Amino acid sequence: MSLITEEIKANAEVCHGSEICQEKSMLLLKEMGLPNGLLPLEDMEECGHVKETGFVWLKQKKKTQHKFAKIDRLVSYAPEVTAYIEPNKIKKLTGVQTKELLVWVTLSDIYNDEPPTGNINFKTPLGLSRSFPVSAFEVEETKEVKESNEVKEV
């Protein structure tokens, strides 16, 4: 069952289409002080952000998997990913799992170290956590994205 109701959508900035959703999600992560490559979803149909509460959602056509090569980790993204985002944190994350040894583990929180150490932490609902270098989740922005960000900043 979807967590995204019509009431939530009415209070949100909503975008449709894979390219704009990828750009918006990367920009939001960057604005919140998180690595822009944390949510490398494909074929996104819709994304939204409720600024007042920090609630975000990303919808893609089907479940996808992504391997973060720098840390040799496989991550699975459900067709619908939701979370609450705030500076340096993602809380109440749904729809994201990582493979640890032979078991898929659900992730619930992602947060930067305070004070900053260059690591980012991933926590499960059971309280287990792992840290990895922030650089493993950063993606170089395309020229078009950089230019559109520069125009918005002026």
Protein backbone atom coordinates (compact mmCIF):
# COMPACT_ATOMS: atom_id res chain seq x y z
CA MET A 1 0.00 0.00 0.00
CA SER A 2 1.29 3.43 -0.95
CA LEU A 3 2.17 5.98 1.72
CA ILE A 4 1.49 8.81 -0.74
CA THR A 5 -2.07 10.10 -0.41
CA GLU A 6 -3.79 12.79 -2.45
CA GLU A 7 -3.60 15.03 0.65
CA ILE A 8 0.19 14.66 0.75
CA LYS A 9 0.44 15.34 -2.99
CA ALA A 10 -1.66 18.50 -2.58
CA ASN A 11 1.00 19.94 -0.21
CA ALA A 12 4.01 18.82 -2.24
CA GLU A 13 6.18 19.86 -5.12
CA VAL A 14 5.60 16.96 -7.55
CA CYS A 15 7.53 16.18 -10.73
CA HIS A 16 6.93 13.59 -13.43
CA GLY A 17 9.42 12.02 -15.81
CA SER A 18 12.68 10.19 -15.22
CA GLU A 19 15.13 12.92 -16.20
CA ILE A 20 13.57 15.72 -14.11
CA CYS A 21 13.02 13.37 -11.14
CA GLN A 22 16.65 12.25 -11.19
CA GLU A 23 17.81 15.87 -11.38
CA LYS A 24 15.47 16.96 -8.55
CA SER A 25 16.43 14.07 -6.26
CA MET A 26 20.15 14.70 -6.76
CA LEU A 27 19.67 18.43 -6.12
CA LEU A 28 17.65 17.80 -2.94
CA LEU A 29 20.27 15.38 -1.58
CA LYS A 30 23.00 17.93 -2.30
CA GLU A 31 20.99 20.75 -0.64
CA MET A 32 20.60 18.57 2.48
CA GLY A 33 24.34 17.90 2.69
CA LEU A 34 24.08 14.29 1.54
CA PRO A 35 25.89 12.60 -1.37
CA ASN A 36 23.96 13.10 -4.61
CA GLY A 37 24.27 9.45 -5.68
CA LEU A 38 22.48 7.82 -2.72
CA LEU A 39 19.29 7.14 -4.68
CA PRO A 40 20.29 6.06 -8.21
CA LEU A 41 16.79 5.05 -9.31
CA GLU A 42 16.00 4.29 -12.94
CA ASP A 43 12.93 4.97 -15.06
CA MET A 44 11.34 7.21 -12.43
CA GLU A 45 7.75 8.15 -13.06
CA GLU A 46 7.15 10.56 -10.19
CA CYS A 47 8.92 12.25 -7.31
CA GLY A 48 7.68 14.63 -4.68
CA HIS A 49 8.79 16.68 -1.69
CA VAL A 50 6.70 18.21 1.09
CA LYS A 51 8.98 21.00 2.35
CA GLU A 52 7.06 21.55 5.62
CA THR A 53 7.55 17.96 6.83
CA GLY A 54 10.56 16.84 4.79
CA PHE A 55 8.60 13.90 3.35
CA VAL A 56 9.90 12.73 -0.04
CA TRP A 57 8.95 9.96 -2.40
CA LEU A 58 10.36 8.50 -5.58
CA LYS A 59 8.35 6.17 -7.82
CA GLN A 60 9.95 4.08 -10.53
CA LYS A 61 8.42 1.69 -13.04
CA LYS A 62 9.90 -1.43 -11.42
CA LYS A 63 12.23 -2.59 -8.67
CA THR A 64 15.90 -1.97 -9.49
CA GLN A 65 19.28 -2.92 -8.09
CA HIS A 66 22.43 -0.85 -8.08
CA LYS A 67 25.98 -1.88 -7.19
CA PHE A 68 28.07 0.77 -5.49
CA ALA A 69 31.40 -0.30 -6.94
CA LYS A 70 33.64 1.67 -4.57
CA ILE A 71 32.31 -0.27 -1.56
CA ASP A 72 31.25 -3.47 -3.39
CA ARG A 73 27.65 -3.32 -2.10
CA LEU A 74 24.46 -4.28 -3.91
CA VAL A 75 21.37 -2.21 -3.05
CA SER A 76 17.76 -2.91 -4.04
CA TYR A 77 15.22 -0.12 -4.58
CA ALA A 78 11.49 -0.93 -4.52
CA PRO A 79 9.14 0.68 -7.07
CA GLU A 80 8.25 3.22 -4.35
CA VAL A 81 10.88 4.72 -2.02
CA THR A 82 9.80 7.11 0.74
CA ALA A 83 11.60 8.95 3.53
CA TYR A 84 11.79 12.07 5.65
CA ILE A 85 14.80 14.21 4.76
CA GLU A 86 16.47 16.92 6.80
CA PRO A 87 19.97 18.39 6.80
CA ASN A 88 22.52 15.55 6.89
CA LYS A 89 19.84 12.87 7.54
CA ILE A 90 17.31 10.59 5.91
CA LYS A 91 14.87 9.06 8.40
CA LYS A 92 12.04 6.51 8.20
CA LEU A 93 13.34 5.25 4.86
CA THR A 94 11.18 2.64 3.11
CA GLY A 95 11.81 0.60 -0.03
CA VAL A 96 15.61 0.27 0.24
CA GLN A 97 17.55 -2.88 1.10
CA THR A 98 21.22 -3.81 0.97
CA LYS A 99 22.78 -7.23 0.66
CA GLU A 100 24.96 -8.26 3.58
CA LEU A 101 26.63 -11.61 2.96
CA LEU A 102 23.65 -13.66 1.69
CA VAL A 103 20.82 -11.74 3.38
CA TRP A 104 18.87 -8.67 2.24
CA VAL A 105 18.74 -6.11 5.06
CA THR A 106 16.23 -3.22 5.17
CA LEU A 107 17.66 0.27 5.70
CA SER A 108 15.76 2.79 7.81
CA ASP A 109 18.12 5.74 8.38
CA ILE A 110 21.06 7.36 6.62
CA TYR A 111 23.06 10.12 8.27
CA ASN A 112 26.39 11.93 8.13
CA ASP A 113 28.79 11.79 11.05
CA GLU A 114 28.64 14.76 13.43
CA PRO A 115 31.14 16.37 13.42
CA PRO A 116 31.89 15.51 9.78
CA THR A 117 34.48 12.75 9.33
CA GLY A 118 33.93 11.96 5.66
CA ASN A 119 31.77 8.94 6.52
CA ILE A 120 28.07 8.30 6.08
CA ASN A 121 26.13 5.84 8.25
CA PHE A 122 23.39 3.39 7.31
CA LYS A 123 21.09 2.02 10.01
CA THR A 124 18.58 -0.85 10.03
CA PRO A 125 15.27 -0.94 11.94
CA LEU A 126 16.98 -3.34 14.38
CA GLY A 127 19.62 -0.74 15.22
CA LEU A 128 22.53 -2.33 13.34
CA SER A 129 24.65 0.17 11.43
CA ARG A 130 27.57 0.45 9.03
CA SER A 131 29.71 3.39 7.96
CA PHE A 132 31.18 4.02 4.52
CA PRO A 133 33.09 6.89 2.89
CA VAL A 134 30.80 9.63 1.56
CA SER A 135 32.79 9.60 -1.68
CA ALA A 136 31.41 6.12 -2.51
CA PHE A 137 27.96 7.68 -3.05
CA GLU A 138 28.87 10.82 -4.96
CA VAL A 139 28.17 11.09 -8.67
CA GLU A 140 29.68 13.70 -10.94
CA GLU A 141 26.90 15.94 -12.21
CA THR A 142 26.37 16.37 -15.91
CA LYS A 143 27.20 19.73 -17.45
CA GLU A 144 23.50 20.54 -17.95
CA VAL A 145 22.68 19.94 -14.26
CA LYS A 146 25.61 22.13 -13.14
CA GLU A 147 24.52 24.94 -15.49
CA SER A 148 20.88 24.79 -14.36
CA ASN A 149 22.00 24.91 -10.71
CA GLU A 150 24.23 27.90 -11.42
CA VAL A 151 21.37 29.74 -13.12
CA LYS A 152 19.07 29.10 -10.12
CA GLU A 153 21.69 30.38 -7.68
CA VAL A 154 22.08 33.79 -9.40
